[in-house]
Amino acid sequence: MNELLETFIGSNGFAVQVLTIMGVLRLVLKPVSEIVGVIVKQTKTTKDDAFVESVKRSGIFLKLLFVLDWLASIKIKK
């Protein structure tokens, strides 16, 4: 099995790099998004709620979500 993996990694280095980047993005972005949402809901002020909602409705954020979903299959709640 190790020989098979070493052969695959050796001959498909770029694909392995892309898959690694996709995995790292999924591991980092989804939990960070959830943590920010929980923190914002736990605070007493509503200013941060409004700020997060305005960011989520912005065109740049929606385009970023589309790109992340299309390239790395990362689905972050809107």
C-alpha atoms as a PDB file:
ATOM      1  CA  MET A   1       0.000   0.000   0.000  1.00  0.00           C
ATOM      2  CA  ASN A   2       2.823   2.412   0.825  1.00  0.00           C
ATOM      3  CA  GLU A   3       4.397   1.795  -2.566  1.00  0.00           C
ATOM      4  CA  LEU A   4       1.095   2.568  -4.277  1.00  0.00           C
ATOM      5  CA  LEU A   5       0.732   5.827  -2.343  1.00  0.00           C
ATOM      6  CA  GLU A   6       4.342   6.826  -2.996  1.00  0.00           C
ATOM      7  CA  THR A   7       3.888   6.142  -6.710  1.00  0.00           C
ATOM      8  CA  PHE A   8       0.666   8.165  -6.826  1.00  0.00           C
ATOM      9  CA  ILE A   9       2.186  11.079  -4.918  1.00  0.00           C
ATOM     10  CA  GLY A  10       5.342  10.987  -7.018  1.00  0.00           C
ATOM     11  CA  SER A  11       3.518  11.000 -10.334  1.00  0.00           C
ATOM     12  CA  ASN A  12       0.640  13.299  -9.341  1.00  0.00           C
ATOM     13  CA  GLY A  13       2.265  15.871  -7.076  1.00  0.00           C
ATOM     14  CA  PHE A  14       0.061  18.730  -8.251  1.00  0.00           C
ATOM     15  CA  ALA A  15      -3.151  16.770  -7.616  1.00  0.00           C
ATOM     16  CA  VAL A  16      -1.977  15.854  -4.130  1.00  0.00           C
ATOM     17  CA  GLN A  17      -1.199  19.507  -3.409  1.00  0.00           C
ATOM     18  CA  VAL A  18      -4.647  20.595  -4.606  1.00  0.00           C
ATOM     19  CA  LEU A  19      -6.369  17.930  -2.496  1.00  0.00           C
ATOM     20  CA  THR A  20      -4.296  18.921   0.523  1.00  0.00           C
ATOM     21  CA  ILE A  21      -5.219  22.599   0.106  1.00  0.00           C
ATOM     22  CA  MET A  22      -8.897  21.677  -0.250  1.00  0.00           C
ATOM     23  CA  GLY A  23      -8.734  19.578   2.911  1.00  0.00           C
ATOM     24  CA  VAL A  24      -6.999  22.282   4.919  1.00  0.00           C
ATOM     25  CA  LEU A  25      -9.511  24.899   3.762  1.00  0.00           C
ATOM     26  CA  ARG A  26     -12.383  22.658   4.825  1.00  0.00           C
ATOM     27  CA  LEU A  27     -10.788  21.978   8.189  1.00  0.00           C
ATOM     28  CA  VAL A  28     -10.188  25.665   8.888  1.00  0.00           C
ATOM     29  CA  LEU A  29     -12.981  27.683   7.269  1.00  0.00           C
ATOM     30  CA  LYS A  30     -16.066  25.745   8.339  1.00  0.00           C
ATOM     31  CA  PRO A  31     -15.265  25.674  12.075  1.00  0.00           C
ATOM     32  CA  VAL A  32     -14.107  29.302  12.041  1.00  0.00           C
ATOM     33  CA  SER A  33     -17.373  30.317  10.399  1.00  0.00           C
ATOM     34  CA  GLU A  34     -19.390  28.432  13.012  1.00  0.00           C
ATOM     35  CA  ILE A  35     -17.330  29.833  15.897  1.00  0.00           C
ATOM     36  CA  VAL A  36     -17.813  33.407  14.679  1.00  0.00           C
ATOM     37  CA  GLY A  37     -21.560  32.808  14.424  1.00  0.00           C
ATOM     38  CA  VAL A  38     -21.757  31.431  17.964  1.00  0.00           C
ATOM     39  CA  ILE A  39     -19.656  34.257  19.410  1.00  0.00           C
ATOM     40  CA  VAL A  40     -21.776  36.897  17.685  1.00  0.00           C
ATOM     41  CA  LYS A  41     -24.993  35.332  18.996  1.00  0.00           C
ATOM     42  CA  GLN A  42     -23.632  35.156  22.557  1.00  0.00           C
ATOM     43  CA  THR A  43     -22.697  38.828  22.838  1.00  0.00           C
ATOM     44  CA  LYS A  44     -25.142  41.282  24.375  1.00  0.00           C
ATOM     45  CA  THR A  45     -24.835  43.969  21.727  1.00  0.00           C
ATOM     46  CA  THR A  46     -26.616  43.767  18.403  1.00  0.00           C
ATOM     47  CA  LYS A  47     -24.029  45.824  16.529  1.00  0.00           C
ATOM     48  CA  ASP A  48     -21.915  42.763  15.805  1.00  0.00           C
ATOM     49  CA  ASP A  49     -25.008  40.855  14.648  1.00  0.00           C
ATOM     50  CA  ALA A  50     -25.795  43.613  12.180  1.00  0.00           C
ATOM     51  CA  PHE A  51     -22.187  43.747  10.993  1.00  0.00           C
ATOM     52  CA  VAL A  52     -22.026  39.994  10.361  1.00  0.00           C
ATOM     53  CA  GLU A  53     -25.346  40.097   8.512  1.00  0.00           C
ATOM     54  CA  SER A  54     -24.137  42.979   6.332  1.00  0.00           C
ATOM     55  CA  VAL A  55     -20.964  41.039   5.503  1.00  0.00           C
ATOM     56  CA  LYS A  56     -22.982  37.916   4.673  1.00  0.00           C
ATOM     57  CA  ARG A  57     -25.229  39.937   2.325  1.00  0.00           C
ATOM     58  CA  SER A  58     -22.333  41.668   0.580  1.00  0.00           C
ATOM     59  CA  GLY A  59     -21.544  40.781  -3.001  1.00  0.00           C
ATOM     60  CA  ILE A  60     -17.904  40.003  -2.251  1.00  0.00           C
ATOM     61  CA  PHE A  61     -18.830  37.482   0.439  1.00  0.00           C
ATOM     62  CA  LEU A  62     -21.373  35.779  -1.809  1.00  0.00           C
ATOM     63  CA  LYS A  63     -18.816  35.536  -4.627  1.00  0.00           C
ATOM     64  CA  LEU A  64     -16.252  34.137  -2.197  1.00  0.00           C
ATOM     65  CA  LEU A  65     -18.763  31.505  -1.077  1.00  0.00           C
ATOM     66  CA  PHE A  66     -19.433  30.569  -4.697  1.00  0.00           C
ATOM     67  CA  VAL A  67     -15.714  30.219  -5.452  1.00  0.00           C
ATOM     68  CA  LEU A  68     -15.066  28.169  -2.311  1.00  0.00           C
ATOM     69  CA  ASP A  69     -18.003  25.908  -3.087  1.00  0.00           C
ATOM     70  CA  TRP A  70     -17.009  25.479  -6.718  1.00  0.00           C
ATOM     71  CA  LEU A  71     -13.276  24.970  -6.208  1.00  0.00           C
ATOM     72  CA  ALA A  72     -13.084  23.190  -2.879  1.00  0.00           C
ATOM     73  CA  SER A  73     -16.644  21.981  -2.206  1.00  0.00           C
ATOM     74  CA  ILE A  74     -16.779  24.054   0.976  1.00  0.00           C
ATOM     75  CA  LYS A  75     -20.308  25.007   1.924  1.00  0.00           C
ATOM     76  CA  ILE A  76     -20.504  27.763   4.538  1.00  0.00           C
ATOM     77  CA  LYS A  77     -23.894  28.800   5.880  1.00  0.00           C
ATOM     78  CA  LYS A  78     -25.222  32.041   4.433  1.00  0.00           C
END
